[in-house]
Amino acid sequence: MKKTSIAVAIFTACFGCVANASPITSLQTTVVPMPKLEFVLASGTVTQAPGITWKGDGGIFGFTGDYSFGTNGVWVGTPPFAAIDKESGSMKFSFDNPVYAVGGLINYEPGNSNSPVISIYDSSNNLIESTRLSFSTNGIGQFHGFQLADPLISSFQLSGSFIALRNLTVLASTPLAPVPEPETYAMLLAGLGLMATVARRKRPLP
């Protein structure tokens, strides 16, 4: 009986650690640069960095143009940001290797029916923790995120009220691969185009 009680206590304690992730308002660790791509997507998936992808529903990615948040000001210029370009919808940053902590500089448009929510999920897409945001800002935004004692966070989701994020910040379990510069993306596309041209020239005549 005593052994069973101990096992239940251990399970409860461990489950509590996962379910009660600590909300954070700062994280002094790795900022993952977002490439300036100016993508305006109805929906889609973009690789932000090796092992990190962004998926949005009615979103924009790598944007530096004017983006208004009503009474919460305007974002424009660098660093690039990602956002949901409607009152409802969501976007998710996913990690191939789960991380200890994740967050970013967040802004949103107050006064809509869908107030912003941020959530974290494990590798099985089970919800670990979520919180509803409510703040006023002069246009800078506020840092919000979550931290765990173990590297269990496989995705970070933001939803509602034209929510936007820049300066994605993570505490990773393994070193992050370097992020390709925008020029690298351009060179990659040029190289693929050259390879396609060569392939066409080598194609045998009928």
C-alpha atoms as a PDB file:
ATOM      1  CA  MET A   1       0.000   0.000   0.000  1.00  0.00           C
ATOM      2  CA  LYS A   2       2.832   2.343   0.926  1.00  0.00           C
ATOM      3  CA  LYS A   3       4.633   1.623  -2.379  1.00  0.00           C
ATOM      4  CA  THR A   4       1.460   2.431  -4.322  1.00  0.00           C
ATOM      5  CA  SER A   5       1.060   5.723  -2.461  1.00  0.00           C
ATOM      6  CA  ILE A   6       4.668   6.658  -3.223  1.00  0.00           C
ATOM      7  CA  ALA A   7       4.217   5.818  -6.915  1.00  0.00           C
ATOM      8  CA  VAL A   8       1.042   7.935  -7.104  1.00  0.00           C
ATOM      9  CA  ALA A   9       2.794  10.817  -5.360  1.00  0.00           C
ATOM     10  CA  ILE A  10       5.720  10.673  -7.801  1.00  0.00           C
ATOM     11  CA  PHE A  11       3.398  10.549 -10.803  1.00  0.00           C
ATOM     12  CA  THR A  12       1.343  13.470  -9.466  1.00  0.00           C
ATOM     13  CA  ALA A  13       4.469  15.522  -8.811  1.00  0.00           C
ATOM     14  CA  CYS A  14       5.879  14.875 -12.278  1.00  0.00           C
ATOM     15  CA  PHE A  15       2.565  15.586 -13.991  1.00  0.00           C
ATOM     16  CA  GLY A  16       2.273  18.811 -12.027  1.00  0.00           C
ATOM     17  CA  CYS A  17       5.708  19.926 -13.239  1.00  0.00           C
ATOM     18  CA  VAL A  18       4.629  19.503 -16.847  1.00  0.00           C
ATOM     19  CA  ALA A  19       1.121  20.910 -16.538  1.00  0.00           C
ATOM     20  CA  ASN A  20       2.210  23.953 -14.536  1.00  0.00           C
ATOM     21  CA  ALA A  21       4.757  25.460 -16.874  1.00  0.00           C
ATOM     22  CA  SER A  22       6.038  28.775 -15.594  1.00  0.00           C
ATOM     23  CA  PRO A  23       4.845  31.776 -17.640  1.00  0.00           C
ATOM     24  CA  ILE A  24       7.792  34.092 -18.276  1.00  0.00           C
ATOM     25  CA  THR A  25       8.139  37.747 -19.282  1.00  0.00           C
ATOM     26  CA  SER A  26      11.841  37.581 -20.187  1.00  0.00           C
ATOM     27  CA  LEU A  27      14.323  34.991 -21.405  1.00  0.00           C
ATOM     28  CA  GLN A  28      18.010  35.826 -21.723  1.00  0.00           C
ATOM     29  CA  THR A  29      19.099  33.222 -24.224  1.00  0.00           C
ATOM     30  CA  THR A  30      19.041  32.506 -27.970  1.00  0.00           C
ATOM     31  CA  VAL A  31      17.023  34.780 -30.262  1.00  0.00           C
ATOM     32  CA  VAL A  32      16.283  32.946 -33.520  1.00  0.00           C
ATOM     33  CA  PRO A  33      16.569  35.454 -36.395  1.00  0.00           C
ATOM     34  CA  MET A  34      13.618  35.534 -38.765  1.00  0.00           C
ATOM     35  CA  PRO A  35      14.517  35.950 -42.458  1.00  0.00           C
ATOM     36  CA  LYS A  36      13.075  39.011 -44.185  1.00  0.00           C
ATOM     37  CA  LEU A  37      10.799  37.308 -46.708  1.00  0.00           C
ATOM     38  CA  GLU A  38       7.703  39.573 -46.771  1.00  0.00           C
ATOM     39  CA  PHE A  39       5.466  36.509 -47.147  1.00  0.00           C
ATOM     40  CA  VAL A  40       1.735  37.215 -47.004  1.00  0.00           C
ATOM     41  CA  LEU A  41       0.070  33.812 -46.826  1.00  0.00           C
ATOM     42  CA  ALA A  42      -3.516  32.634 -46.610  1.00  0.00           C
ATOM     43  CA  SER A  43      -1.996  29.583 -44.941  1.00  0.00           C
ATOM     44  CA  GLY A  44       1.262  27.706 -45.229  1.00  0.00           C
ATOM     45  CA  THR A  45       4.497  26.499 -43.651  1.00  0.00           C
ATOM     46  CA  VAL A  46       7.864  28.278 -43.672  1.00  0.00           C
ATOM     47  CA  THR A  47      11.257  27.172 -42.325  1.00  0.00           C
ATOM     48  CA  GLN A  48      12.517  29.914 -40.018  1.00  0.00           C
ATOM     49  CA  ALA A  49      15.776  28.153 -39.166  1.00  0.00           C
ATOM     50  CA  PRO A  50      17.138  24.591 -39.328  1.00  0.00           C
ATOM     51  CA  GLY A  51      14.841  22.527 -37.114  1.00  0.00           C
ATOM     52  CA  ILE A  52      12.317  25.354 -36.583  1.00  0.00           C
ATOM     53  CA  THR A  53       9.218  25.822 -38.738  1.00  0.00           C
ATOM     54  CA  TRP A  54       6.349  28.302 -38.717  1.00  0.00           C
ATOM     55  CA  LYS A  55       2.825  27.440 -39.801  1.00  0.00           C
ATOM     56  CA  GLY A  56       0.095  30.046 -40.059  1.00  0.00           C
ATOM     57  CA  ASP A  57      -3.605  30.232 -40.779  1.00  0.00           C
ATOM     58  CA  GLY A  58      -4.239  33.533 -42.542  1.00  0.00           C
ATOM     59  CA  GLY A  59      -0.825  34.829 -41.579  1.00  0.00           C
ATOM     60  CA  ILE A  60       2.234  36.781 -42.646  1.00  0.00           C
ATOM     61  CA  PHE A  61       5.870  35.827 -42.109  1.00  0.00           C
ATOM     62  CA  GLY A  62       9.170  37.685 -42.245  1.00  0.00           C
ATOM     63  CA  PHE A  63       7.256  40.959 -42.635  1.00  0.00           C
ATOM     64  CA  THR A  64       8.704  44.456 -42.155  1.00  0.00           C
ATOM     65  CA  GLY A  65       5.883  46.618 -43.536  1.00  0.00           C
ATOM     66  CA  ASP A  66       3.401  48.688 -41.529  1.00  0.00           C
ATOM     67  CA  TYR A  67       1.171  46.554 -39.307  1.00  0.00           C
ATOM     68  CA  SER A  68      -1.343  48.285 -37.028  1.00  0.00           C
ATOM     69  CA  PHE A  69      -2.529  46.949 -33.661  1.00  0.00           C
ATOM     70  CA  GLY A  70      -5.111  49.680 -33.049  1.00  0.00           C
ATOM     71  CA  THR A  71      -4.545  51.244 -29.631  1.00  0.00           C
ATOM     72  CA  ASN A  72      -1.453  49.032 -29.168  1.00  0.00           C
ATOM     73  CA  GLY A  73       0.452  50.947 -31.843  1.00  0.00           C
ATOM     74  CA  VAL A  74       2.210  49.943 -35.056  1.00  0.00           C
ATOM     75  CA  TRP A  75       5.079  47.629 -35.965  1.00  0.00           C
ATOM     76  CA  VAL A  76       7.211  48.495 -38.983  1.00  0.00           C
ATOM     77  CA  GLY A  77      10.760  47.718 -40.074  1.00  0.00           C
ATOM     78  CA  THR A  78      13.240  45.255 -38.642  1.00  0.00           C
ATOM     79  CA  PRO A  79      13.452  42.811 -37.018  1.00  0.00           C
ATOM     80  CA  PRO A  80      10.941  40.974 -39.233  1.00  0.00           C
ATOM     81  CA  PHE A  81       7.860  39.501 -37.567  1.00  0.00           C
ATOM     82  CA  ALA A  82       5.098  36.953 -38.075  1.00  0.00           C
ATOM     83  CA  ALA A  83       1.409  37.660 -37.487  1.00  0.00           C
ATOM     84  CA  ILE A  84      -2.145  36.432 -37.926  1.00  0.00           C
ATOM     85  CA  ASP A  85      -3.721  38.904 -40.327  1.00  0.00           C
ATOM     86  CA  LYS A  86      -7.285  38.538 -39.005  1.00  0.00           C
ATOM     87  CA  GLU A  87      -9.254  38.592 -35.760  1.00  0.00           C
ATOM     88  CA  SER A  88      -9.299  34.808 -35.396  1.00  0.00           C
ATOM     89  CA  GLY A  89      -6.764  32.193 -36.429  1.00  0.00           C
ATOM     90  CA  SER A  90      -3.491  30.814 -35.165  1.00  0.00           C
ATOM     91  CA  MET A  91       0.167  30.364 -35.946  1.00  0.00           C
ATOM     92  CA  LYS A  92       2.587  27.839 -34.530  1.00  0.00           C
ATOM     93  CA  PHE A  93       6.373  27.631 -34.183  1.00  0.00           C
ATOM     94  CA  SER A  94       7.476  23.977 -34.095  1.00  0.00           C
ATOM     95  CA  PHE A  95      10.812  22.520 -32.991  1.00  0.00           C
ATOM     96  CA  ASP A  96      12.364  19.299 -34.288  1.00  0.00           C
ATOM     97  CA  ASN A  97      14.204  19.035 -30.966  1.00  0.00           C
ATOM     98  CA  PRO A  98      12.013  19.972 -27.955  1.00  0.00           C
ATOM     99  CA  VAL A  99      13.156  22.982 -25.928  1.00  0.00           C
ATOM    100  CA  TYR A 100      13.105  24.047 -22.277  1.00  0.00           C
ATOM    101  CA  ALA A 101      11.671  27.507 -22.844  1.00  0.00           C
ATOM    102  CA  VAL A 102      10.184  29.648 -25.593  1.00  0.00           C
ATOM    103  CA  GLY A 103       8.812  33.150 -25.908  1.00  0.00           C
ATOM    104  CA  GLY A 104       8.991  36.318 -27.916  1.00  0.00           C
ATOM    105  CA  LEU A 105       8.021  39.955 -28.208  1.00  0.00           C
ATOM    106  CA  ILE A 106       4.249  39.912 -28.728  1.00  0.00           C
ATOM    107  CA  ASN A 107       1.678  42.497 -29.767  1.00  0.00           C
ATOM    108  CA  TYR A 108      -2.018  42.312 -30.661  1.00  0.00           C
ATOM    109  CA  GLU A 109      -5.072  44.458 -31.376  1.00  0.00           C
ATOM    110  CA  PRO A 110      -7.207  44.993 -28.243  1.00  0.00           C
ATOM    111  CA  GLY A 111     -10.979  45.250 -28.304  1.00  0.00           C
ATOM    112  CA  ASN A 112     -11.794  42.203 -30.429  1.00  0.00           C
ATOM    113  CA  SER A 113     -13.894  39.239 -29.340  1.00  0.00           C
ATOM    114  CA  ASN A 114     -10.948  36.832 -29.663  1.00  0.00           C
ATOM    115  CA  SER A 115      -8.427  37.912 -27.043  1.00  0.00           C
ATOM    116  CA  PRO A 116      -4.920  36.522 -27.648  1.00  0.00           C
ATOM    117  CA  VAL A 117      -3.863  33.146 -26.251  1.00  0.00           C
ATOM    118  CA  ILE A 118      -0.383  31.573 -26.193  1.00  0.00           C
ATOM    119  CA  SER A 119       0.076  27.822 -25.690  1.00  0.00           C
ATOM    120  CA  ILE A 120       2.805  25.183 -25.632  1.00  0.00           C
ATOM    121  CA  TYR A 121       2.531  21.544 -26.747  1.00  0.00           C
ATOM    122  CA  ASP A 122       4.636  18.400 -26.383  1.00  0.00           C
ATOM    123  CA  SER A 123       5.841  16.097 -29.166  1.00  0.00           C
ATOM    124  CA  SER A 124       2.473  14.255 -29.172  1.00  0.00           C
ATOM    125  CA  ASN A 125       0.655  17.589 -29.617  1.00  0.00           C
ATOM    126  CA  ASN A 126      -0.716  17.422 -26.078  1.00  0.00           C
ATOM    127  CA  LEU A 127      -1.342  20.809 -24.494  1.00  0.00           C
ATOM    128  CA  ILE A 128       1.166  21.511 -21.724  1.00  0.00           C
ATOM    129  CA  GLU A 129       0.050  25.007 -20.744  1.00  0.00           C
ATOM    130  CA  SER A 130      -1.734  28.054 -22.122  1.00  0.00           C
ATOM    131  CA  THR A 131      -2.484  31.583 -20.975  1.00  0.00           C
ATOM    132  CA  ARG A 132      -4.660  34.442 -22.187  1.00  0.00           C
ATOM    133  CA  LEU A 133      -2.905  37.786 -22.673  1.00  0.00           C
ATOM    134  CA  SER A 134      -4.203  41.263 -21.937  1.00  0.00           C
ATOM    135  CA  PHE A 135      -1.923  44.277 -22.009  1.00  0.00           C
ATOM    136  CA  SER A 136      -1.557  47.811 -23.319  1.00  0.00           C
ATOM    137  CA  THR A 137       1.606  48.950 -25.066  1.00  0.00           C
ATOM    138  CA  ASN A 138       2.863  52.000 -26.908  1.00  0.00           C
ATOM    139  CA  GLY A 139       3.764  49.898 -29.929  1.00  0.00           C
ATOM    140  CA  ILE A 140       6.785  48.057 -28.574  1.00  0.00           C
ATOM    141  CA  GLY A 141       4.856  44.988 -27.406  1.00  0.00           C
ATOM    142  CA  GLN A 142       5.604  42.755 -24.434  1.00  0.00           C
ATOM    143  CA  PHE A 143       7.675  39.603 -23.972  1.00  0.00           C
ATOM    144  CA  HIS A 144       5.671  36.503 -23.043  1.00  0.00           C
ATOM    145  CA  GLY A 145       6.419  32.778 -23.054  1.00  0.00           C
ATOM    146  CA  PHE A 146       6.817  29.631 -20.964  1.00  0.00           C
ATOM    147  CA  GLN A 147       9.611  27.704 -19.272  1.00  0.00           C
ATOM    148  CA  LEU A 148       9.843  24.079 -18.071  1.00  0.00           C
ATOM    149  CA  ALA A 149      12.346  22.154 -15.988  1.00  0.00           C
ATOM    150  CA  ASP A 150      12.746  19.623 -18.835  1.00  0.00           C
ATOM    151  CA  PRO A 151      12.991  20.023 -22.633  1.00  0.00           C
ATOM    152  CA  LEU A 152       9.411  19.024 -23.494  1.00  0.00           C
ATOM    153  CA  ILE A 153       8.175  21.971 -25.588  1.00  0.00           C
ATOM    154  CA  SER A 154       7.759  20.903 -29.216  1.00  0.00           C
ATOM    155  CA  SER A 155       5.590  23.793 -30.391  1.00  0.00           C
ATOM    156  CA  PHE A 156       4.534  27.305 -29.404  1.00  0.00           C
ATOM    157  CA  GLN A 157       1.134  28.489 -30.642  1.00  0.00           C
ATOM    158  CA  LEU A 158      -0.295  32.012 -30.734  1.00  0.00           C
ATOM    159  CA  SER A 159      -3.915  32.689 -31.619  1.00  0.00           C
ATOM    160  CA  GLY A 160      -6.531  35.439 -31.823  1.00  0.00           C
ATOM    161  CA  SER A 161      -6.865  39.186 -32.307  1.00  0.00           C
ATOM    162  CA  PHE A 162      -4.242  39.976 -35.001  1.00  0.00           C
ATOM    163  CA  ILE A 163      -1.502  38.606 -32.727  1.00  0.00           C
ATOM    164  CA  ALA A 164       2.113  39.069 -33.870  1.00  0.00           C
ATOM    165  CA  LEU A 165       5.536  37.906 -32.689  1.00  0.00           C
ATOM    166  CA  ARG A 166       9.080  39.037 -33.341  1.00  0.00           C
ATOM    167  CA  ASN A 167      12.381  37.966 -31.703  1.00  0.00           C
ATOM    168  CA  LEU A 168      11.444  34.298 -31.176  1.00  0.00           C
ATOM    169  CA  THR A 169      13.586  33.272 -28.191  1.00  0.00           C
ATOM    170  CA  VAL A 170      14.320  29.720 -27.055  1.00  0.00           C
ATOM    171  CA  LEU A 171      16.300  27.833 -24.446  1.00  0.00           C
ATOM    172  CA  ALA A 172      17.287  24.782 -26.450  1.00  0.00           C
ATOM    173  CA  SER A 173      18.367  21.330 -25.330  1.00  0.00           C
ATOM    174  CA  THR A 174      20.888  21.169 -28.192  1.00  0.00           C
ATOM    175  CA  PRO A 175      22.775  23.975 -29.963  1.00  0.00           C
ATOM    176  CA  LEU A 176      20.735  25.555 -32.747  1.00  0.00           C
ATOM    177  CA  ALA A 177      22.118  25.402 -36.268  1.00  0.00           C
ATOM    178  CA  PRO A 178      23.147  28.751 -37.754  1.00  0.00           C
ATOM    179  CA  VAL A 179      20.377  30.595 -39.595  1.00  0.00           C
ATOM    180  CA  PRO A 180      20.975  31.138 -43.334  1.00  0.00           C
ATOM    181  CA  GLU A 181      21.312  34.785 -44.364  1.00  0.00           C
ATOM    182  CA  PRO A 182      18.756  36.166 -46.876  1.00  0.00           C
ATOM    183  CA  GLU A 183      21.537  36.128 -49.495  1.00  0.00           C
ATOM    184  CA  THR A 184      21.858  32.376 -48.936  1.00  0.00           C
ATOM    185  CA  TYR A 185      18.185  31.866 -49.814  1.00  0.00           C
ATOM    186  CA  ALA A 186      18.739  33.906 -52.995  1.00  0.00           C
ATOM    187  CA  MET A 187      21.833  31.867 -53.923  1.00  0.00           C
ATOM    188  CA  LEU A 188      19.929  28.635 -53.291  1.00  0.00           C
ATOM    189  CA  LEU A 189      17.117  29.687 -55.618  1.00  0.00           C
ATOM    190  CA  ALA A 190      19.621  30.793 -58.258  1.00  0.00           C
ATOM    191  CA  GLY A 191      21.439  27.461 -57.982  1.00  0.00           C
ATOM    192  CA  LEU A 192      18.218  25.502 -58.363  1.00  0.00           C
ATOM    193  CA  GLY A 193      17.348  27.562 -61.428  1.00  0.00           C
ATOM    194  CA  LEU A 194      20.780  26.867 -62.953  1.00  0.00           C
ATOM    195  CA  MET A 195      20.435  23.142 -62.275  1.00  0.00           C
ATOM    196  CA  ALA A 196      17.016  23.126 -63.937  1.00  0.00           C
ATOM    197  CA  THR A 197      18.455  24.891 -67.004  1.00  0.00           C
ATOM    198  CA  VAL A 198      21.313  22.399 -67.267  1.00  0.00           C
ATOM    199  CA  ALA A 199      18.896  19.495 -66.864  1.00  0.00           C
ATOM    200  CA  ARG A 200      16.727  20.817 -69.695  1.00  0.00           C
ATOM    201  CA  ARG A 201      19.764  21.173 -71.982  1.00  0.00           C
ATOM    202  CA  LYS A 202      20.849  17.607 -71.250  1.00  0.00           C
ATOM    203  CA  ARG A 203      17.422  16.163 -71.905  1.00  0.00           C
ATOM    204  CA  PRO A 204      17.681  13.795 -74.931  1.00  0.00           C
ATOM    205  CA  LEU A 205      15.923  14.816 -78.129  1.00  0.00           C
ATOM    206  CA  PRO A 206      13.036  12.582 -79.271  1.00  0.00           C
END
